[in-house]
Amino acid sequence: MSITCMNLHSRSASRYTHFHAWEGVRQKGFNKCAYIRRISVRTAPRATGNMEVEVSKVRSIDFTMTQPDDWHLHLRDGDLLESVIAHSATIFGRAIVMPNLKPPITTVADAVSYRERILKALPSDSKFTPLMTLYLTDNTNHNEIRLARESGVVVGVKLYPAGATTNSEDGVTDLFGKCMPVLKEMMECGLPLLVHGEVTDPNVDVFDREKVFIENILKPLVNKLPHLKIVMEHITTIDAVNFVKSSVEGLVAATVTPQHLLLNRNALFQGGLQPHNYCLPVLKREIHRQAIVSAVTSGSKQFFLGTDSAPHERHQKERSCGCAGIYSAPVALPLYTKVFEEAGALEKFEAFASFNGPDFYGLPRNTSKITMQKVSWQVPEEYNFSFGSIVPMFSGQILEWCVVD
């Protein structure tokens, strides 16, 4: 058991100090990690010259788990790619990389080229594996789907309804018409459809767009193509939770972001407009957040980790028409751990982060390990690069979990 000082709280009324921590016992294997009780260690001051120094050893939790993967990640391109890639590559073994670049990644040749740029940007000792996707359009050819399946590089095709989010203007306008031959080919060859699940009808309230998409698009799609593998990306509502849970395990699943587990729509407005909490799909009511937490901490195999980490330069977020996207890569794993700890479900975290995703995609689980430790640290206010700065999720706040090197 490791020994670390953390979360130190002093009582000024006494010459004694209480240090609070959590006592944890780690046995062989993550699933046997038991979190027993909160403890207080009371220590007397030790004189050193004319000064009194408080001395204490407190027990901290740490646990080792299979290295996780990120099943929904935006890495961008060029200088931005080179600047942010290490934040994901040092934590995750693999990541599904979204294809909404300018121009979008619409062919296998595009995906192979983009993958080479990602690999070139990685630290020299990195073992990170990018998993590539194609951007579905009304003009995607079913032959491209066959090439994708045979490539060994492309693992899915991303559906962006045209105009739904960042760089989605080239997305789909006729899913049940022009795209149906492609979707049938995907079903036949087992290539998953990764769905941004929102309608873009301006008459539909922005907070209802996921619910309407499920009723008008996803349910009819499942009825038409019952064996098509579907991932509903970055779910935000109880409606999405219920849709996934009611669907066939192994055919329909969902990724879940840290922001939709920890924040509700109040976070957009507290203390003024908060542009760095703005993402799409937008944050929802507390009842939806609670439903998503309950789903992912239940142990269901249909939900897995997908950060949707989406870096934008600070000035692009803090302007009159700011970009949607939260940069969570540096803090995502500590935040997910916080969610599972607070739900009393840390023993189920490894499956959510490391098993459910590869199992759904038919990929081997990672064999490498990482260690999480409960020790306080402060998230940087921003990350500075040659081209500007990026503000991370929970910037400036104190987190209680970190990944141990």
Protein backbone atom coordinates (compact mmCIF):
# COMPACT_ATOMS: atom_id res chain seq x y z
CA MET A 1 0.00 0.00 0.00
CA SER A 2 1.43 3.37 -1.00
CA ILE A 3 1.82 6.23 1.45
CA THR A 4 1.14 9.77 0.26
CA CYS A 5 0.24 13.07 1.94
CA MET A 6 -2.85 14.74 0.48
CA ASN A 7 -5.91 16.81 1.27
CA LEU A 8 -4.41 18.35 4.34
CA HIS A 9 -6.83 20.26 6.56
CA SER A 10 -5.57 21.97 9.72
CA ARG A 11 -7.46 22.96 12.84
CA SER A 12 -6.19 26.36 13.89
CA ALA A 13 -7.73 26.02 17.35
CA SER A 14 -5.47 23.15 18.28
CA ARG A 15 -1.76 22.44 18.35
CA TYR A 16 -2.61 19.14 16.75
CA THR A 17 -3.41 18.61 13.12
CA HIS A 18 -5.88 16.22 11.53
CA PHE A 19 -5.02 14.86 8.13
CA HIS A 20 -7.90 13.31 6.26
CA ALA A 21 -7.57 10.59 3.68
CA TRP A 22 -9.22 7.47 2.49
CA GLU A 23 -7.89 4.14 3.56
CA GLY A 24 -7.84 1.57 0.79
CA VAL A 25 -6.68 -2.00 0.62
CA ARG A 26 -5.42 -3.23 -2.75
CA GLN A 27 -5.23 -6.93 -3.28
CA LYS A 28 -4.25 -8.79 -6.41
CA GLY A 29 -6.28 -7.52 -9.34
CA PHE A 30 -8.32 -4.34 -9.78
CA ASN A 31 -11.67 -5.97 -9.10
CA LYS A 32 -10.60 -6.75 -5.55
CA CYS A 33 -9.76 -3.16 -4.74
CA ALA A 34 -11.74 -2.41 -1.58
CA TYR A 35 -12.40 1.07 -0.26
CA ILE A 36 -13.05 0.74 3.43
CA ARG A 37 -13.53 3.97 5.35
CA ARG A 38 -12.44 7.54 5.81
CA ILE A 39 -9.75 7.93 8.42
CA SER A 40 -8.25 10.82 10.38
CA VAL A 41 -4.64 10.66 11.45
CA ARG A 42 -3.93 12.96 14.43
CA THR A 43 -0.32 13.95 14.88
CA ALA A 44 1.50 16.01 17.48
CA PRO A 45 3.86 18.80 16.36
CA ARG A 46 7.59 18.07 16.34
CA ALA A 47 9.93 20.84 17.40
CA THR A 48 12.69 21.80 14.97
CA GLY A 49 14.71 24.72 16.28
CA ASN A 50 12.27 27.56 16.90
CA MET A 51 9.66 26.13 14.52
CA GLU A 52 6.99 23.53 14.98
CA VAL A 53 6.54 21.24 11.99
CA GLU A 54 3.44 19.10 11.59
CA VAL A 55 4.41 15.56 10.59
CA SER A 56 2.05 12.92 9.33
CA LYS A 57 1.86 9.89 7.12
CA VAL A 58 -1.52 9.28 5.56
CA ARG A 59 -2.72 6.40 3.48
CA SER A 60 -3.88 6.98 -0.04
CA ILE A 61 -5.84 4.91 -2.48
CA ASP A 62 -4.14 3.64 -5.53
CA PHE A 63 -5.27 0.97 -7.93
CA THR A 64 -3.91 -0.58 -11.09
CA MET A 65 -6.14 -1.25 -14.07
CA THR A 66 -5.92 -2.27 -17.71
CA GLN A 67 -4.92 0.72 -19.82
CA PRO A 68 -8.09 2.37 -21.15
CA ASP A 69 -8.94 3.53 -24.66
CA ASP A 70 -10.75 6.64 -25.83
CA TRP A 71 -13.54 5.67 -28.21
CA HIS A 72 -14.31 9.24 -29.33
CA LEU A 73 -11.51 11.75 -29.76
CA HIS A 74 -10.82 14.87 -31.81
CA LEU A 75 -7.15 15.42 -32.59
CA ARG A 76 -7.48 18.08 -35.31
CA ASP A 77 -4.52 18.50 -37.67
CA GLY A 78 -1.32 20.47 -38.21
CA ASP A 79 0.06 22.49 -35.30
CA LEU A 80 -2.99 21.73 -33.17
CA LEU A 81 -2.58 17.98 -33.64
CA GLU A 82 1.11 18.16 -32.76
CA SER A 83 0.34 20.17 -29.62
CA VAL A 84 -2.46 18.06 -28.11
CA ILE A 85 -1.65 14.48 -29.14
CA ALA A 86 0.58 13.77 -26.14
CA HIS A 87 -2.23 14.47 -23.66
CA SER A 88 -4.15 11.51 -25.07
CA ALA A 89 -1.26 9.28 -26.08
CA THR A 90 0.31 9.21 -22.60
CA ILE A 91 -2.94 7.94 -21.02
CA PHE A 92 -4.85 5.90 -23.56
CA GLY A 93 -3.69 2.87 -25.50
CA ARG A 94 -5.91 3.57 -28.50
CA ALA A 95 -8.43 6.14 -29.63
CA ILE A 96 -11.08 6.39 -32.31
CA VAL A 97 -10.21 9.58 -34.14
CA MET A 98 -13.08 11.64 -35.49
CA PRO A 99 -12.97 12.55 -39.22
CA ASN A 100 -14.48 16.07 -39.18
CA LEU A 101 -11.46 17.91 -40.51
CA LYS A 102 -11.47 20.51 -43.28
CA PRO A 103 -11.75 18.87 -45.76
CA PRO A 104 -13.31 15.82 -44.04
CA ILE A 105 -11.86 12.31 -44.10
CA THR A 106 -14.20 10.70 -46.63
CA THR A 107 -12.03 7.97 -48.18
CA VAL A 108 -9.72 5.23 -47.00
CA ALA A 109 -6.83 7.03 -48.68
CA ASP A 110 -7.68 10.14 -46.63
CA ALA A 111 -7.79 8.05 -43.44
CA VAL A 112 -4.43 6.40 -44.14
CA SER A 113 -2.82 9.78 -44.79
CA TYR A 114 -4.31 11.30 -41.64
CA ARG A 115 -3.17 8.30 -39.60
CA GLU A 116 0.39 8.80 -40.86
CA ARG A 117 0.29 12.44 -39.72
CA ILE A 118 -0.92 11.36 -36.29
CA LEU A 119 1.81 8.74 -35.94
CA LYS A 120 4.42 11.26 -37.02
CA ALA A 121 3.23 13.70 -34.32
CA LEU A 122 3.50 11.14 -31.52
CA PRO A 123 6.37 11.12 -29.02
CA SER A 124 9.08 8.77 -30.26
CA ASP A 125 8.50 6.21 -27.51
CA SER A 126 4.70 6.20 -27.75
CA LYS A 127 2.75 2.98 -28.35
CA PHE A 128 -0.53 4.83 -28.93
CA THR A 129 -2.66 3.46 -31.79
CA PRO A 130 -5.06 5.74 -33.69
CA LEU A 131 -8.18 4.00 -34.96
CA MET A 132 -9.53 5.78 -38.01
CA THR A 133 -13.04 6.64 -39.19
CA LEU A 134 -14.67 7.82 -42.40
CA TYR A 135 -16.99 10.81 -42.66
CA LEU A 136 -20.33 9.72 -44.14
CA THR A 137 -21.79 11.93 -46.87
CA ASP A 138 -24.71 11.62 -49.28
CA ASN A 139 -22.13 10.65 -51.91
CA THR A 140 -20.22 7.94 -50.03
CA ASN A 141 -19.89 4.86 -52.24
CA HIS A 142 -20.54 1.34 -50.96
CA ASN A 143 -17.25 0.25 -52.55
CA GLU A 144 -15.45 2.61 -50.16
CA ILE A 145 -17.02 0.70 -47.28
CA ARG A 146 -15.53 -2.55 -48.55
CA LEU A 147 -12.14 -0.89 -48.84
CA ALA A 148 -12.53 0.45 -45.31
CA ARG A 149 -13.28 -2.97 -43.87
CA GLU A 150 -10.34 -4.51 -45.68
CA SER A 151 -7.92 -1.71 -44.81
CA GLY A 152 -7.18 -2.74 -41.23
CA VAL A 153 -7.09 0.98 -40.47
CA VAL A 154 -10.72 2.16 -40.54
CA VAL A 155 -12.95 0.85 -37.73
CA GLY A 156 -16.14 2.86 -38.25
CA VAL A 157 -18.07 5.43 -40.28
CA LYS A 158 -19.25 8.64 -38.63
CA LEU A 159 -22.71 10.04 -39.25
CA TYR A 160 -22.94 13.80 -38.87
CA PRO A 161 -26.33 15.25 -39.74
CA ALA A 162 -25.43 18.26 -41.90
CA GLY A 163 -25.00 21.32 -39.67
CA ALA A 164 -25.17 19.46 -36.35
CA THR A 165 -21.73 20.36 -34.96
CA THR A 166 -18.19 21.51 -35.79
CA ASN A 167 -17.26 20.95 -39.44
CA SER A 168 -20.46 19.04 -40.19
CA GLU A 169 -21.59 21.09 -43.17
CA ASP A 170 -20.59 18.20 -45.49
CA GLY A 171 -22.66 15.74 -43.49
CA VAL A 172 -25.72 13.68 -44.35
CA THR A 173 -28.98 15.18 -45.62
CA ASP A 174 -30.67 12.00 -46.92
CA LEU A 175 -29.93 9.06 -44.62
CA PHE A 176 -32.80 6.82 -45.70
CA GLY A 177 -32.34 7.57 -49.39
CA LYS A 178 -28.87 8.21 -50.74
CA CYS A 179 -27.08 6.59 -47.78
CA MET A 180 -29.09 3.36 -47.60
CA PRO A 181 -26.86 1.29 -49.96
CA VAL A 182 -23.84 2.28 -47.87
CA LEU A 183 -25.57 1.42 -44.60
CA LYS A 184 -26.58 -1.99 -45.94
CA GLU A 185 -22.99 -2.65 -46.96
CA MET A 186 -21.84 -1.64 -43.48
CA MET A 187 -24.32 -4.05 -41.90
CA GLU A 188 -23.18 -6.89 -44.14
CA CYS A 189 -19.49 -6.39 -43.42
CA GLY A 190 -19.88 -5.51 -39.72
CA LEU A 191 -18.54 -1.95 -39.89
CA PRO A 192 -20.13 0.16 -37.13
CA LEU A 193 -22.03 3.39 -37.72
CA LEU A 194 -20.96 6.07 -35.22
CA VAL A 195 -23.80 8.52 -34.75
CA HIS A 196 -23.94 12.16 -33.73
CA GLY A 197 -27.52 11.86 -32.57
CA GLU A 198 -29.18 15.23 -33.06
CA VAL A 199 -31.67 16.57 -35.57
CA THR A 200 -30.84 19.91 -37.15
CA ASP A 201 -34.37 21.17 -37.73
CA PRO A 202 -34.32 24.78 -36.43
CA ASN A 203 -37.89 24.34 -35.21
CA VAL A 204 -36.78 21.71 -32.68
CA ASP A 205 -35.59 23.06 -29.33
CA VAL A 206 -31.83 22.58 -28.92
CA PHE A 207 -32.40 20.65 -25.68
CA ASP A 208 -34.78 18.22 -27.43
CA ARG A 209 -32.72 17.43 -30.52
CA GLU A 210 -31.31 14.17 -29.22
CA LYS A 211 -34.72 12.89 -28.13
CA VAL A 212 -36.27 13.76 -31.51
CA PHE A 213 -33.35 12.14 -33.36
CA ILE A 214 -33.93 8.89 -31.50
CA GLU A 215 -37.63 8.84 -32.36
CA ASN A 216 -37.37 10.04 -35.96
CA ILE A 217 -34.04 8.57 -37.11
CA LEU A 218 -32.49 5.94 -34.85
CA LYS A 219 -35.51 3.80 -34.08
CA PRO A 220 -36.59 3.63 -37.76
CA LEU A 221 -32.97 2.89 -38.74
CA VAL A 222 -32.74 -0.03 -36.31
CA ASN A 223 -36.05 -1.37 -37.62
CA LYS A 224 -34.83 -1.18 -41.22
CA LEU A 225 -31.35 -2.56 -40.54
CA PRO A 226 -31.62 -4.61 -37.34
CA HIS A 227 -28.10 -6.06 -37.59
CA LEU A 228 -26.28 -2.79 -38.22
CA LYS A 229 -23.82 -2.06 -35.41
CA ILE A 230 -24.47 1.42 -34.02
CA VAL A 231 -22.64 3.55 -31.48
CA MET A 232 -24.64 6.50 -30.24
CA GLU A 233 -21.89 8.98 -29.51
CA HIS A 234 -21.67 11.29 -26.47
CA ILE A 235 -25.18 10.61 -25.15
CA THR A 236 -26.77 13.37 -23.10
CA THR A 237 -30.31 12.32 -22.13
CA ILE A 238 -32.32 9.73 -20.28
CA ASP A 239 -33.97 9.07 -23.65
CA ALA A 240 -30.63 7.95 -25.09
CA VAL A 241 -29.94 5.79 -22.04
CA ASN A 242 -33.29 4.06 -22.41
CA PHE A 243 -32.82 3.59 -26.16
CA VAL A 244 -29.45 1.93 -25.70
CA LYS A 245 -30.59 -0.26 -22.83
CA SER A 246 -33.63 -1.42 -24.82
CA SER A 247 -31.49 -2.37 -27.81
CA VAL A 248 -29.61 -5.60 -28.49
CA GLU A 249 -26.35 -5.84 -26.59
CA GLY A 250 -23.47 -6.16 -29.04
CA LEU A 251 -25.33 -4.23 -31.74
CA VAL A 252 -26.09 -0.90 -30.08
CA ALA A 253 -23.83 0.89 -27.60
CA ALA A 254 -22.97 4.42 -26.49
CA THR A 255 -19.97 6.52 -25.59
CA VAL A 256 -20.14 8.84 -22.61
CA THR A 257 -18.11 12.00 -21.98
CA PRO A 258 -16.84 13.36 -18.66
CA GLN A 259 -18.78 16.60 -19.12
CA HIS A 260 -22.12 14.85 -19.51
CA LEU A 261 -21.40 12.82 -16.36
CA LEU A 262 -20.34 15.79 -14.22
CA LEU A 263 -22.08 18.89 -15.55
CA ASN A 264 -25.65 19.92 -16.23
CA ARG A 265 -26.83 22.91 -18.24
CA ASN A 266 -26.47 25.25 -15.26
CA ALA A 267 -22.71 25.04 -15.84
CA LEU A 268 -23.18 27.08 -19.01
CA PHE A 269 -24.47 30.11 -17.13
CA GLN A 270 -23.24 30.11 -13.53
CA GLY A 271 -21.35 33.32 -12.81
CA GLY A 272 -21.93 34.48 -16.37
CA LEU A 273 -21.74 32.77 -19.75
CA GLN A 274 -19.16 29.96 -19.61
CA PRO A 275 -17.89 29.30 -23.15
CA HIS A 276 -15.49 26.56 -22.10
CA ASN A 277 -18.45 24.47 -20.91
CA TYR A 278 -20.16 24.76 -24.28
CA CYS A 279 -20.23 21.59 -26.34
CA LEU A 280 -22.53 19.79 -28.75
CA PRO A 281 -24.69 18.01 -27.89
CA VAL A 282 -25.28 20.71 -25.33
CA LEU A 283 -25.40 19.95 -21.59
CA LYS A 284 -28.86 18.97 -20.34
CA ARG A 285 -30.97 19.01 -17.15
CA GLU A 286 -29.77 17.38 -13.93
CA ILE A 287 -32.24 14.52 -14.33
CA HIS A 288 -30.48 13.52 -17.54
CA ARG A 289 -27.03 13.72 -15.98
CA GLN A 290 -28.14 11.47 -13.14
CA ALA A 291 -29.58 8.92 -15.58
CA ILE A 292 -26.30 8.75 -17.49
CA VAL A 293 -24.29 8.31 -14.28
CA SER A 294 -26.61 5.51 -13.21
CA ALA A 295 -26.24 3.79 -16.58
CA VAL A 296 -22.45 3.85 -16.78
CA THR A 297 -21.93 2.84 -13.15
CA SER A 298 -24.44 -0.02 -13.37
CA GLY A 299 -21.96 -2.37 -14.99
CA SER A 300 -23.79 -2.47 -18.34
CA LYS A 301 -21.55 -3.52 -21.23
CA GLN A 302 -23.36 -1.14 -23.61
CA PHE A 303 -21.66 2.02 -22.32
CA PHE A 304 -17.99 2.89 -22.67
CA LEU A 305 -15.52 5.73 -22.40
CA GLY A 306 -15.41 8.36 -25.14
CA THR A 307 -14.11 11.75 -24.08
CA ASP A 308 -15.16 13.77 -27.14
CA SER A 309 -12.14 15.89 -26.21
CA ALA A 310 -12.25 18.73 -28.72
CA PRO A 311 -9.48 21.32 -28.60
CA HIS A 312 -10.11 24.88 -29.77
CA GLU A 313 -7.85 27.87 -29.32
CA ARG A 314 -8.96 30.10 -26.48
CA HIS A 315 -9.86 33.02 -28.73
CA GLN A 316 -12.09 30.71 -30.79
CA LYS A 317 -14.09 29.84 -27.69
CA GLU A 318 -14.22 33.34 -26.19
CA ARG A 319 -15.73 35.30 -29.04
CA SER A 320 -19.17 36.49 -30.13
CA CYS A 321 -19.90 33.17 -31.86
CA GLY A 322 -17.75 30.67 -29.99
CA CYS A 323 -16.91 27.12 -31.05
CA ALA A 324 -18.51 24.07 -29.48
CA GLY A 325 -16.18 21.62 -27.80
CA ILE A 326 -14.57 20.89 -24.43
CA TYR A 327 -10.90 20.00 -24.16
CA SER A 328 -10.90 17.17 -21.62
CA ALA A 329 -7.96 14.98 -22.68
CA PRO A 330 -5.58 16.05 -19.84
CA VAL A 331 -8.20 15.53 -17.12
CA ALA A 332 -10.62 12.94 -18.48
CA LEU A 333 -9.44 9.85 -16.63
CA PRO A 334 -9.29 11.54 -13.19
CA LEU A 335 -12.79 12.91 -13.82
CA TYR A 336 -14.23 9.54 -14.84
CA THR A 337 -12.64 8.03 -11.73
CA LYS A 338 -14.31 10.71 -9.61
CA VAL A 339 -17.71 9.78 -11.05
CA PHE A 340 -17.32 6.10 -10.28
CA GLU A 341 -15.93 6.76 -6.81
CA GLU A 342 -18.80 9.07 -5.90
CA ALA A 343 -21.27 6.44 -7.15
CA GLY A 344 -19.61 3.77 -4.99
CA ALA A 345 -18.79 1.80 -8.13
CA LEU A 346 -15.01 1.93 -8.54
CA GLU A 347 -14.93 -1.82 -9.03
CA LYS A 348 -16.91 -1.30 -12.27
CA PHE A 349 -14.70 1.44 -13.66
CA GLU A 350 -12.20 -0.82 -15.43
CA ALA A 351 -14.89 -2.47 -17.55
CA PHE A 352 -16.30 0.91 -18.62
CA ALA A 353 -12.89 2.37 -19.43
CA SER A 354 -10.97 -0.64 -20.72
CA PHE A 355 -13.18 -3.61 -21.63
CA ASN A 356 -16.57 -2.60 -23.05
CA GLY A 357 -15.18 -0.60 -25.98
CA PRO A 358 -12.80 -3.18 -27.45
CA ASP A 359 -15.34 -5.94 -26.81
CA PHE A 360 -17.97 -4.07 -28.86
CA TYR A 361 -15.56 -3.37 -31.71
CA GLY A 362 -14.20 -6.92 -31.71
CA LEU A 363 -10.69 -5.80 -30.80
CA PRO A 364 -8.37 -7.32 -28.19
CA ARG A 365 -8.25 -5.69 -24.78
CA ASN A 366 -5.04 -3.90 -23.90
CA THR A 367 -2.47 -5.86 -21.93
CA SER A 368 -0.65 -2.80 -20.58
CA LYS A 369 -1.57 -1.33 -17.19
CA ILE A 370 -1.87 2.09 -15.61
CA THR A 371 -2.12 3.14 -11.97
CA MET A 372 -4.54 5.70 -10.58
CA GLN A 373 -3.74 7.41 -7.30
CA LYS A 374 -5.86 9.64 -5.12
CA VAL A 375 -3.69 12.71 -4.66
CA SER A 376 -4.71 16.33 -5.08
CA TRP A 377 -3.42 18.41 -7.98
CA GLN A 378 -4.48 21.58 -9.72
CA VAL A 379 -5.56 21.66 -13.35
CA PRO A 380 -3.64 24.34 -15.29
CA GLU A 381 -5.61 27.46 -16.18
CA GLU A 382 -4.55 26.94 -19.78
CA TYR A 383 -2.01 25.18 -21.99
CA ASN A 384 0.19 27.55 -23.96
CA PHE A 385 1.47 26.69 -27.41
CA SER A 386 3.25 28.60 -30.17
CA PHE A 387 -0.04 29.41 -31.89
CA GLY A 388 -2.00 30.37 -28.76
CA SER A 389 -3.57 28.69 -25.75
CA ILE A 390 -6.20 26.05 -24.98
CA VAL A 391 -8.30 26.04 -21.82
CA PRO A 392 -8.90 22.53 -20.42
CA MET A 393 -12.02 21.24 -18.73
CA PHE A 394 -12.13 22.18 -15.02
CA SER A 395 -9.29 24.67 -15.55
CA GLY A 396 -7.78 25.93 -12.30
CA GLN A 397 -9.76 23.44 -10.19
CA ILE A 398 -8.41 20.87 -7.75
CA LEU A 399 -8.83 17.23 -8.76
CA GLU A 400 -8.33 14.32 -6.38
CA TRP A 401 -7.18 11.62 -8.79
CA CYS A 402 -4.19 11.42 -11.08
CA VAL A 403 -2.49 8.91 -13.33
CA VAL A 404 0.81 7.73 -11.86
CA ASP A 405 3.71 7.52 -14.28
